[in-house]
C-alpha atoms as a PDB file:
ATOM      1  CA  UNK A   1      11.256   8.128   1.430  1.00  0.00           C
ATOM      2  CA  UNK A   2      12.906  11.547   1.268  1.00  0.00           C
ATOM      3  CA  UNK A   3      11.842  13.969  -1.404  1.00  0.00           C
ATOM      4  CA  UNK A   4      14.593  14.075  -4.033  1.00  0.00           C
ATOM      5  CA  UNK A   5      14.881  17.850  -3.968  1.00  0.00           C
ATOM      6  CA  UNK A   6      14.292  18.724  -0.350  1.00  0.00           C
ATOM      7  CA  UNK A   7      15.986  15.893   1.515  1.00  0.00           C
ATOM      8  CA  UNK A   8      13.086  15.895   3.995  1.00  0.00           C
ATOM      9  CA  UNK A   9      10.960  12.912   4.880  1.00  0.00           C
ATOM     10  CA  UNK A  10       7.334  12.698   3.756  1.00  0.00           C
ATOM     11  CA  UNK A  11       6.091  13.427   7.280  1.00  0.00           C
ATOM     12  CA  UNK A  12       8.163  16.610   7.506  1.00  0.00           C
ATOM     13  CA  UNK A  13       6.607  17.922   4.285  1.00  0.00           C
ATOM     14  CA  UNK A  14       2.961  17.190   5.052  1.00  0.00           C
ATOM     15  CA  UNK A  15       1.528  20.666   5.044  1.00  0.00           C
ATOM     16  CA  UNK A  16      -1.570  20.150   2.906  1.00  0.00           C
ATOM     17  CA  UNK A  17      -4.786  18.931   4.416  1.00  0.00           C
ATOM     18  CA  UNK A  18      -7.373  16.944   2.482  1.00  0.00           C
ATOM     19  CA  UNK A  19     -10.906  17.099   3.811  1.00  0.00           C
ATOM     20  CA  UNK A  20     -13.474  14.584   2.673  1.00  0.00           C
ATOM     21  CA  UNK A  21     -16.860  13.368   3.707  1.00  0.00           C
ATOM     22  CA  UNK A  22     -17.867   9.727   3.815  1.00  0.00           C
ATOM     23  CA  UNK A  23     -21.062   7.861   4.542  1.00  0.00           C
ATOM     24  CA  UNK A  24     -21.190   5.791   7.718  1.00  0.00           C
ATOM     25  CA  UNK A  25     -20.796   2.644   5.603  1.00  0.00           C
ATOM     26  CA  UNK A  26     -17.745   4.010   3.779  1.00  0.00           C
ATOM     27  CA  UNK A  27     -16.177   5.153   7.046  1.00  0.00           C
ATOM     28  CA  UNK A  28     -16.691   1.758   8.688  1.00  0.00           C
ATOM     29  CA  UNK A  29     -15.336  -0.075   5.647  1.00  0.00           C
ATOM     30  CA  UNK A  30     -12.211   2.092   5.427  1.00  0.00           C
ATOM     31  CA  UNK A  31     -11.550   1.883   9.173  1.00  0.00           C
ATOM     32  CA  UNK A  32     -11.932  -1.897   9.151  1.00  0.00           C
ATOM     33  CA  UNK A  33      -9.596  -2.282   6.160  1.00  0.00           C
ATOM     34  CA  UNK A  34      -6.992   0.067   7.657  1.00  0.00           C
ATOM     35  CA  UNK A  35      -7.097  -1.811  10.955  1.00  0.00           C
ATOM     36  CA  UNK A  36      -6.758  -5.158   9.169  1.00  0.00           C
ATOM     37  CA  UNK A  37      -3.442  -4.102   7.629  1.00  0.00           C
ATOM     38  CA  UNK A  38      -2.176  -2.323  10.742  1.00  0.00           C
ATOM     39  CA  UNK A  39      -2.274   1.177   9.308  1.00  0.00           C
ATOM     40  CA  UNK A  40      -3.905   4.392  10.396  1.00  0.00           C
ATOM     41  CA  UNK A  41      -6.928   5.543   8.423  1.00  0.00           C
ATOM     42  CA  UNK A  42      -4.883   8.445   7.076  1.00  0.00           C
ATOM     43  CA  UNK A  43      -2.074   6.161   5.884  1.00  0.00           C
ATOM     44  CA  UNK A  44      -4.546   3.719   4.381  1.00  0.00           C
ATOM     45  CA  UNK A  45      -6.544   6.380   2.529  1.00  0.00           C
ATOM     46  CA  UNK A  46      -3.458   8.201   1.241  1.00  0.00           C
ATOM     47  CA  UNK A  47      -1.724   4.994   0.125  1.00  0.00           C
ATOM     48  CA  UNK A  48      -4.885   3.776  -1.611  1.00  0.00           C
ATOM     49  CA  UNK A  49      -5.535   7.128  -3.284  1.00  0.00           C
ATOM     50  CA  UNK A  50      -1.920   7.459  -4.448  1.00  0.00           C
ATOM     51  CA  UNK A  51      -1.879   3.921  -5.851  1.00  0.00           C
ATOM     52  CA  UNK A  52      -5.085   4.651  -7.733  1.00  0.00           C
ATOM     53  CA  UNK A  53      -3.742   7.991  -8.989  1.00  0.00           C
ATOM     54  CA  UNK A  54      -0.531   6.356 -10.232  1.00  0.00           C
ATOM     55  CA  UNK A  55      -2.567   3.708 -12.051  1.00  0.00           C
ATOM     56  CA  UNK A  56      -4.806   6.305 -13.690  1.00  0.00           C
ATOM     57  CA  UNK A  57      -1.857   8.382 -14.835  1.00  0.00           C
ATOM     58  CA  UNK A  58       0.019   5.319 -16.131  1.00  0.00           C
ATOM     59  CA  UNK A  59      -3.034   4.351 -18.163  1.00  0.00           C
ATOM     60  CA  UNK A  60      -3.132   7.625 -20.061  1.00  0.00           C
ATOM     61  CA  UNK A  61      -3.399   6.724 -23.697  1.00  0.00           C
ATOM     62  CA  UNK A  62      -2.828  10.124 -25.258  1.00  0.00           C
ATOM     63  CA  UNK A  63       0.293  12.220 -25.128  1.00  0.00           C
ATOM     64  CA  UNK A  64       1.367  15.286 -27.035  1.00  0.00           C
ATOM     65  CA  UNK A  65       4.794  15.814 -28.568  1.00  0.00           C
ATOM     66  CA  UNK A  66       6.265  18.763 -30.403  1.00  0.00           C
ATOM     67  CA  UNK A  67       7.463  18.178 -33.974  1.00  0.00           C
ATOM     68  CA  UNK A  68      11.062  17.386 -32.981  1.00  0.00           C
ATOM     69  CA  UNK A  69      10.069  14.926 -30.253  1.00  0.00           C
ATOM     70  CA  UNK A  70       7.532  13.310 -32.591  1.00  0.00           C
ATOM     71  CA  UNK A  71      10.230  12.820 -35.239  1.00  0.00           C
ATOM     72  CA  UNK A  72      12.575  11.188 -32.696  1.00  0.00           C
ATOM     73  CA  UNK A  73       9.714   8.978 -31.456  1.00  0.00           C
ATOM     74  CA  UNK A  74       8.828   7.837 -34.969  1.00  0.00           C
ATOM     75  CA  UNK A  75      12.499   7.198 -35.805  1.00  0.00           C
ATOM     76  CA  UNK A  76      12.798   4.999 -32.710  1.00  0.00           C
ATOM     77  CA  UNK A  77       9.693   3.043 -33.752  1.00  0.00           C
ATOM     78  CA  UNK A  78      11.083   2.577 -37.262  1.00  0.00           C
ATOM     79  CA  UNK A  79      14.286   0.947 -35.980  1.00  0.00           C
ATOM     80  CA  UNK A  80      14.421  -2.808 -36.567  1.00  0.00           C
ATOM     81  CA  UNK A  81      14.006  -4.973 -33.507  1.00  0.00           C
ATOM     82  CA  UNK A  82      17.310  -5.945 -31.949  1.00  0.00           C
ATOM     83  CA  UNK A  83      18.085  -9.650 -31.723  1.00  0.00           C
ATOM     84  CA  UNK A  84      18.187 -10.721 -28.071  1.00  0.00           C
ATOM     85  CA  UNK A  85      19.472 -14.326 -27.992  1.00  0.00           C
ATOM     86  CA  UNK A  86      19.247 -14.648 -24.198  1.00  0.00           C
ATOM     87  CA  UNK A  87      15.657 -13.407 -24.238  1.00  0.00           C
ATOM     88  CA  UNK A  88      14.818 -15.836 -27.048  1.00  0.00           C
ATOM     89  CA  UNK A  89      16.299 -18.701 -24.983  1.00  0.00           C
ATOM     90  CA  UNK A  90      14.443 -17.623 -21.869  1.00  0.00           C
ATOM     91  CA  UNK A  91      11.107 -17.430 -23.657  1.00  0.00           C
ATOM     92  CA  UNK A  92      11.600 -20.822 -25.296  1.00  0.00           C
ATOM     93  CA  UNK A  93      12.091 -22.595 -21.947  1.00  0.00           C
ATOM     94  CA  UNK A  94       9.127 -23.821 -19.875  1.00  0.00           C
ATOM     95  CA  UNK A  95       8.204 -21.366 -17.114  1.00  0.00           C
ATOM     96  CA  UNK A  96       7.846 -22.289 -13.448  1.00  0.00           C
ATOM     97  CA  UNK A  97       4.092 -22.221 -14.064  1.00  0.00           C
ATOM     98  CA  UNK A  98       4.415 -24.923 -16.735  1.00  0.00           C
ATOM     99  CA  UNK A  99       6.314 -27.301 -14.478  1.00  0.00           C
ATOM    100  CA  UNK A 100       4.519 -29.757 -12.220  1.00  0.00           C
END
């Protein structure tokens, strides 16, 4: 996927090198997993690391806001919930998991 600002593909922008050491067991495990999904070790490691990094960052439970942003955030929380009739209907129907 092209970078939104540069218009270049990911491969054209890969200028940084990551060096890491692994035990023989870790190396064999990673190579076997990468091979099983038809990816290179580099692709497998980068995809796995990025997925983990995205998960960690999404799970952040603390964020800091300045006074103005905090006031807007609190005002949004204080708003009454909007009635969503279609959502209410959807949630009252049996799901595909409930059907036999």
